[in-house]
C-alpha atoms as a PDB file:
ATOM      1  CA  VAL A   1      -9.245   6.208  27.022  1.00  0.00           C
ATOM      2  CA  PHE A   2      -7.294   8.991  28.647  1.00  0.00           C
ATOM      3  CA  LYS A   3      -8.684  11.521  31.140  1.00  0.00           C
ATOM      4  CA  GLY A   4     -10.621  14.343  29.608  1.00  0.00           C
ATOM      5  CA  GLY A   5     -11.074  12.542  26.295  1.00  0.00           C
ATOM      6  CA  ILE A   6      -7.657  13.622  25.024  1.00  0.00           C
ATOM      7  CA  MET A   7      -7.182  10.448  23.001  1.00  0.00           C
ATOM      8  CA  LYS A   8     -10.656  10.688  21.479  1.00  0.00           C
ATOM      9  CA  THR A   9     -10.095  14.312  20.499  1.00  0.00           C
ATOM     10  CA  HIS A  10      -6.774  13.461  18.857  1.00  0.00           C
ATOM     11  CA  LEU A  11      -8.377  10.624  16.887  1.00  0.00           C
ATOM     12  CA  THR A  12     -11.233  12.871  15.819  1.00  0.00           C
ATOM     13  CA  ASP A  13      -8.760  15.546  14.709  1.00  0.00           C
ATOM     14  CA  THR A  14      -6.798  12.967  12.717  1.00  0.00           C
ATOM     15  CA  LYS A  15      -9.932  11.603  11.029  1.00  0.00           C
ATOM     16  CA  ASP A  16     -11.100  15.119  10.212  1.00  0.00           C
ATOM     17  CA  HIS A  17      -7.684  15.981   8.803  1.00  0.00           C
ATOM     18  CA  LEU A  18      -7.667  12.853   6.629  1.00  0.00           C
ATOM     19  CA  LYS A  19     -11.183  13.591   5.410  1.00  0.00           C
ATOM     20  CA  GLU A  20     -10.076  17.094   4.441  1.00  0.00           C
ATOM     21  CA  GLU A  21      -6.923  15.848   2.691  1.00  0.00           C
ATOM     22  CA  LEU A  22      -8.951  13.307   0.694  1.00  0.00           C
ATOM     23  CA  ASN A  23     -10.684  16.230  -1.030  1.00  0.00           C
ATOM     24  CA  ASP A  24      -7.404  16.782  -2.892  1.00  0.00           C
ATOM     25  CA  PRO A  25      -7.469  14.439  -5.942  1.00  0.00           C
ATOM     26  CA  TYR A  26      -3.676  14.101  -5.931  1.00  0.00           C
ATOM     27  CA  PHE A  27      -3.571  13.126  -2.261  1.00  0.00           C
ATOM     28  CA  LYS A  28      -6.562  10.813  -2.686  1.00  0.00           C
ATOM     29  CA  GLU A  29      -4.928   8.944  -5.591  1.00  0.00           C
ATOM     30  CA  LEU A  30      -1.697   8.418  -3.652  1.00  0.00           C
ATOM     31  CA  TYR A  31      -3.661   7.419  -0.536  1.00  0.00           C
ATOM     32  CA  GLU A  32      -5.644   4.792  -2.487  1.00  0.00           C
ATOM     33  CA  LEU A  33      -2.456   3.424  -4.045  1.00  0.00           C
ATOM     34  CA  ASP A  34      -0.865   3.190  -0.616  1.00  0.00           C
ATOM     35  CA  LYS A  35      -3.874   1.232   0.665  1.00  0.00           C
ATOM     36  CA  VAL A  36      -3.436  -1.287  -2.170  1.00  0.00           C
ATOM     37  CA  LYS A  37       0.285  -1.598  -1.436  1.00  0.00           C
ATOM     38  CA  THR A  38      -0.458  -2.174   2.251  1.00  0.00           C
ATOM     39  CA  ASP A  39      -3.018  -4.849   1.389  1.00  0.00           C
ATOM     40  CA  ILE A  40      -0.509  -6.671  -0.834  1.00  0.00           C
ATOM     41  CA  ALA A  41       2.188  -6.528   1.845  1.00  0.00           C
ATOM     42  CA  LYS A  42      -0.263  -7.844   4.469  1.00  0.00           C
ATOM     43  CA  LYS A  43      -1.239 -10.799   2.264  1.00  0.00           C
ATOM     44  CA  ILE A  44       2.410 -11.770   1.815  1.00  0.00           C
ATOM     45  CA  ILE A  45       3.167 -11.456   5.539  1.00  0.00           C
ATOM     46  CA  GLU A  46       0.016 -13.404   6.456  1.00  0.00           C
ATOM     47  CA  TYR A  47       1.000 -16.159   4.011  1.00  0.00           C
ATOM     48  CA  ARG A  48       4.477 -16.406   5.502  1.00  0.00           C
ATOM     49  CA  ILE A  49       3.104 -16.580   9.033  1.00  0.00           C
ATOM     50  CA  LYS A  50       0.440 -19.155   8.124  1.00  0.00           C
ATOM     51  CA  HIS A  51       3.009 -21.362   6.398  1.00  0.00           C
ATOM     52  CA  ARG A  52       5.733 -20.656   8.972  1.00  0.00           C
ATOM     53  CA  LEU A  53       8.137 -19.319   6.375  1.00  0.00           C
ATOM     54  CA  SER A  54      10.888 -16.790   6.865  1.00  0.00           C
ATOM     55  CA  GLN A  55      11.444 -14.150   4.226  1.00  0.00           C
ATOM     56  CA  LYS A  56      14.483 -16.133   3.111  1.00  0.00           C
ATOM     57  CA  GLU A  57      12.497 -19.379   2.768  1.00  0.00           C
ATOM     58  CA  LEU A  58       9.715 -17.716   0.775  1.00  0.00           C
ATOM     59  CA  ALA A  59      12.265 -15.979  -1.428  1.00  0.00           C
ATOM     60  CA  LYS A  60      14.016 -19.284  -2.138  1.00  0.00           C
ATOM     61  CA  LYS A  61      10.680 -20.907  -3.048  1.00  0.00           C
ATOM     62  CA  ILE A  62       9.925 -18.097  -5.524  1.00  0.00           C
ATOM     63  CA  LYS A  63      13.516 -17.768  -6.724  1.00  0.00           C
ATOM     64  CA  ILE A  64      14.004 -14.152  -5.726  1.00  0.00           C
ATOM     65  CA  SER A  65      16.154 -12.590  -3.021  1.00  0.00           C
ATOM     66  CA  GLN A  66      15.205 -12.191   0.634  1.00  0.00           C
ATOM     67  CA  GLN A  67      15.843  -8.475   0.197  1.00  0.00           C
ATOM     68  CA  GLN A  68      13.139  -8.317  -2.481  1.00  0.00           C
ATOM     69  CA  ILE A  69      10.625  -9.907  -0.092  1.00  0.00           C
ATOM     70  CA  SER A  70      11.681  -7.469   2.616  1.00  0.00           C
ATOM     71  CA  HIS A  71      11.266  -4.467   0.321  1.00  0.00           C
ATOM     72  CA  ILE A  72       7.818  -5.604  -0.790  1.00  0.00           C
ATOM     73  CA  GLU A  73       6.697  -6.173   2.804  1.00  0.00           C
ATOM     74  CA  GLU A  74       7.893  -2.643   3.587  1.00  0.00           C
ATOM     75  CA  GLY A  75       5.812  -1.235   0.721  1.00  0.00           C
ATOM     76  CA  ASP A  76       8.682  -0.661  -1.713  1.00  0.00           C
ATOM     77  CA  PHE A  77       7.127  -1.649  -4.997  1.00  0.00           C
ATOM     78  CA  SER A  78       9.859  -0.709  -7.430  1.00  0.00           C
ATOM     79  CA  ASN A  79       9.460  -3.841  -9.565  1.00  0.00           C
ATOM     80  CA  PHE A  80       5.916  -4.714 -10.599  1.00  0.00           C
ATOM     81  CA  LEU A  81       6.931  -8.035 -12.164  1.00  0.00           C
ATOM     82  CA  THR A  82       8.431  -9.218  -8.869  1.00  0.00           C
ATOM     83  CA  ILE A  83       5.229  -8.253  -6.998  1.00  0.00           C
ATOM     84  CA  GLN A  84       3.186 -10.229  -9.492  1.00  0.00           C
ATOM     85  CA  LYS A  85       5.527 -13.235  -9.187  1.00  0.00           C
ATOM     86  CA  VAL A  86       5.245 -13.242  -5.383  1.00  0.00           C
ATOM     87  CA  LEU A  87       1.457 -12.917  -5.432  1.00  0.00           C
ATOM     88  CA  LEU A  88       1.075 -15.769  -7.917  1.00  0.00           C
ATOM     89  CA  ALA A  89       3.336 -17.970  -5.790  1.00  0.00           C
ATOM     90  CA  ILE A  90       1.148 -17.460  -2.714  1.00  0.00           C
ATOM     91  CA  GLY A  91      -2.150 -17.916  -4.548  1.00  0.00           C
ATOM     92  CA  TYR A  92      -3.156 -14.363  -5.434  1.00  0.00           C
ATOM     93  CA  LYS A  93      -3.342 -12.359  -8.604  1.00  0.00           C
ATOM     94  CA  ILE A  94      -3.799  -8.746  -9.484  1.00  0.00           C
ATOM     95  CA  LYS A  95      -7.305  -8.570 -10.920  1.00  0.00           C
ATOM     96  CA  SER A  96      -7.083  -5.356 -12.842  1.00  0.00           C
ATOM     97  CA  ILE A  97      -5.148  -2.202 -13.236  1.00  0.00           C
ATOM     98  CA  VAL A  98      -7.028   0.679 -14.698  1.00  0.00           C
ATOM     99  CA  VAL A  99      -5.172   3.642 -16.101  1.00  0.00           C
ATOM    100  CA  GLY A 100      -7.324   6.587 -17.035  1.00  0.00           C
ATOM    101  CA  HIS A 101      -6.999  10.207 -17.987  1.00  0.00           C
ATOM    102  CA  LEU A 102      -7.189  12.836 -15.315  1.00  0.00           C
ATOM    103  CA  SER A 103     -10.082  15.250 -15.437  1.00  0.00           C
ATOM    104  CA  PRO A 104      -9.139  18.921 -15.911  1.00  0.00           C
ATOM    105  CA  SER A 105      -9.721  19.607 -12.208  1.00  0.00           C
ATOM    106  CA  GLU A 106      -7.581  16.600 -11.219  1.00  0.00           C
ATOM    107  CA  MET A 107      -4.826  17.727 -13.583  1.00  0.00           C
ATOM    108  CA  LYS A 108      -4.906  21.182 -12.027  1.00  0.00           C
ATOM    109  CA  ALA A 109      -4.615  19.658  -8.540  1.00  0.00           C
ATOM    110  CA  VAL A 110      -1.692  17.479  -9.581  1.00  0.00           C
ATOM    111  CA  LYS A 111       0.150  20.423 -11.099  1.00  0.00           C
ATOM    112  CA  THR A 112      -0.009  22.253  -7.757  1.00  0.00           C
ATOM    113  CA  HIS A 113       2.095  19.528  -6.117  1.00  0.00           C
ATOM    114  CA  ALA A 114       5.864  19.455  -6.396  1.00  0.00           C
ATOM    115  CA  TYR A 115       7.399  16.372  -7.940  1.00  0.00           C
END
């Protein structure tokens, strides 16, 4: 802790800012998706560490490229099938994906954001 509680104040400001941003349905949806992506990446990294595998060794075991493992661990999820293949190989599965319609207020919020 820094003198004068500077660090605590900064953390409080950050938490307050996040809480405020989460009121925006568009931001909240992207934030939740990012949390899932982070969780998936952590599981893959933890598996590699536990089994003392490099990205290259894991990739070879799954029959994908080292670059694909690297991208996934960095949160680049451009290929869902590859993510699923990696998770199955390390003993995980995606339980469910739910796609639903946006409410009118959510749709309005989304339309206010630039694509």
